[in-house]
Protein backbone atom coordinates (compact mmCIF):
# COMPACT_ATOMS: atom_id res chain seq x y z
CA UNK A 1 -15.37 6.75 -2.60
CA UNK A 2 -12.11 8.66 -2.34
CA UNK A 3 -9.45 8.38 -4.83
CA UNK A 4 -7.31 6.32 -2.29
CA UNK A 5 -10.15 3.92 -1.75
CA UNK A 6 -10.85 3.54 -5.45
CA UNK A 7 -7.11 2.63 -6.10
CA UNK A 8 -7.16 0.18 -3.27
CA UNK A 9 -10.49 -1.36 -4.51
CA UNK A 10 -9.09 -1.68 -8.11
CA UNK A 11 -6.05 -3.69 -6.72
CA UNK A 12 -8.37 -5.87 -4.54
CA UNK A 13 -10.48 -6.56 -7.57
CA UNK A 14 -7.42 -7.59 -9.60
CA UNK A 15 -6.33 -9.89 -6.81
CA UNK A 16 -9.85 -11.25 -6.50
CA UNK A 17 -9.90 -10.18 -2.81
CA UNK A 18 -12.26 -7.94 -0.75
CA UNK A 19 -11.03 -5.31 1.56
CA UNK A 20 -11.21 -6.08 5.27
CA UNK A 21 -9.92 -2.79 6.63
CA UNK A 22 -8.73 0.49 5.16
CA UNK A 23 -6.70 3.19 6.92
CA UNK A 24 -5.66 6.59 5.64
CA UNK A 25 -2.41 8.19 6.67
CA UNK A 26 -2.61 11.99 5.68
CA UNK A 27 0.31 13.91 4.48
CA UNK A 28 1.36 16.84 6.77
CA UNK A 29 2.86 18.98 4.17
CA UNK A 30 5.08 19.47 1.18
CA UNK A 31 8.18 20.67 2.79
CA UNK A 32 11.54 18.68 2.51
CA UNK A 33 11.24 17.76 6.24
CA UNK A 34 7.72 16.37 5.63
CA UNK A 35 8.63 14.50 2.55
CA UNK A 36 7.44 10.81 2.85
CA UNK A 37 5.84 11.32 6.27
CA UNK A 38 2.57 9.60 5.41
CA UNK A 39 4.30 6.51 3.89
CA UNK A 40 6.54 6.21 6.91
CA UNK A 41 3.59 6.11 9.21
CA UNK A 42 1.81 3.68 6.89
CA UNK A 43 4.88 1.39 6.90
CA UNK A 44 5.10 1.38 10.71
CA UNK A 45 1.34 0.52 10.75
CA UNK A 46 1.87 -2.44 8.47
CA UNK A 47 4.72 -3.81 10.46
CA UNK A 48 2.99 -3.25 13.80
CA UNK A 49 0.08 -5.33 12.48
CA UNK A 50 2.23 -8.27 11.53
CA UNK A 51 2.75 -7.67 7.86
CA UNK A 52 5.66 -6.90 5.64
CA UNK A 53 5.74 -4.61 2.53
CA UNK A 54 7.52 -4.52 -0.87
CA UNK A 55 9.76 -1.70 -2.26
CA UNK A 56 8.37 1.55 -3.47
CA UNK A 57 8.26 2.01 -7.22
CA UNK A 58 7.09 5.63 -8.11
CA UNK A 59 3.53 6.15 -7.44
CA UNK A 60 2.58 2.51 -8.10
CA UNK A 61 0.93 0.46 -5.24
CA UNK A 62 3.21 -1.33 -2.65
CA UNK A 63 2.18 -4.95 -2.04
CA UNK A 64 1.65 -6.14 1.63
CA UNK A 65 1.92 -9.79 2.72
CA UNK A 66 2.19 -11.76 5.95
CA UNK A 67 5.32 -13.69 6.92
CA UNK A 68 4.36 -16.65 4.72
CA UNK A 69 5.66 -14.71 1.70
CA UNK A 70 9.50 -14.67 1.54
CA UNK A 71 9.97 -11.72 -0.69
CA UNK A 72 7.77 -8.99 -2.01
CA UNK A 73 8.91 -7.43 -5.25
CA UNK A 74 8.21 -3.91 -6.58
CA UNK A 75 4.91 -3.49 -8.03
CA UNK A 76 6.14 -3.36 -11.75
CA UNK A 77 7.78 -6.79 -11.11
CA UNK A 78 4.78 -8.56 -9.68
CA UNK A 79 3.07 -10.64 -12.17
CA UNK A 80 -0.71 -10.48 -12.08
CA UNK A 81 -0.84 -14.26 -11.37
CA UNK A 82 0.86 -13.45 -8.05
CA UNK A 83 -1.67 -10.90 -6.95
CA UNK A 84 -3.63 -13.55 -5.08
CA UNK A 85 -0.66 -13.96 -2.61
CA UNK A 86 -0.99 -10.40 -1.46
CA UNK A 87 -2.71 -9.73 1.91
CA UNK A 88 -3.00 -6.02 1.25
CA UNK A 89 -1.70 -2.94 -0.58
CA UNK A 90 -0.51 0.63 0.16
CA UNK A 91 -1.72 3.27 -2.25
CA UNK A 92 -0.99 7.01 -2.57
CA UNK A 93 -2.62 10.18 -3.78
CA UNK A 94 -1.02 11.90 -5.66
CA UNK A 95 2.40 10.39 -4.74
CA UNK A 96 4.21 8.84 -1.80
CA UNK A 97 6.47 11.86 -1.39
CA UNK A 98 3.97 14.55 -0.56
CA UNK A 99 0.58 12.68 -0.69
CA UNK A 100 -1.71 10.82 1.50
CA UNK A 101 -1.28 7.08 1.74
CA UNK A 102 -4.03 4.46 2.22
CA UNK A 103 -3.46 0.95 3.63
CA UNK A 104 -5.94 -1.79 2.68
CA UNK A 105 -5.81 -5.23 4.29
CA UNK A 106 -7.60 -7.84 2.35
CA UNK A 107 -9.83 -10.69 3.58
């Protein structure tokens, strides 16, 4: 299990969900022009698949939900009792700026 998969699995367990699909968006470099390239691709993938995502908060996960959820808070503002409302998560390794991004969609 990769570090990205482990992070996604930990969130899924906290939400009492299982992972239906997992996609990795690799970073293409550390230059200023390439900063955030993996997260931009991941965000596009999330939207193209009918979901929305919350705001970035450092290297914390980013919650994913379908249109039934009106607002998705930053990870630090999501109460653990609300994890069950998530439909997926974006995780990074080591960070969203220059790292790879994984997108997990929950069952």
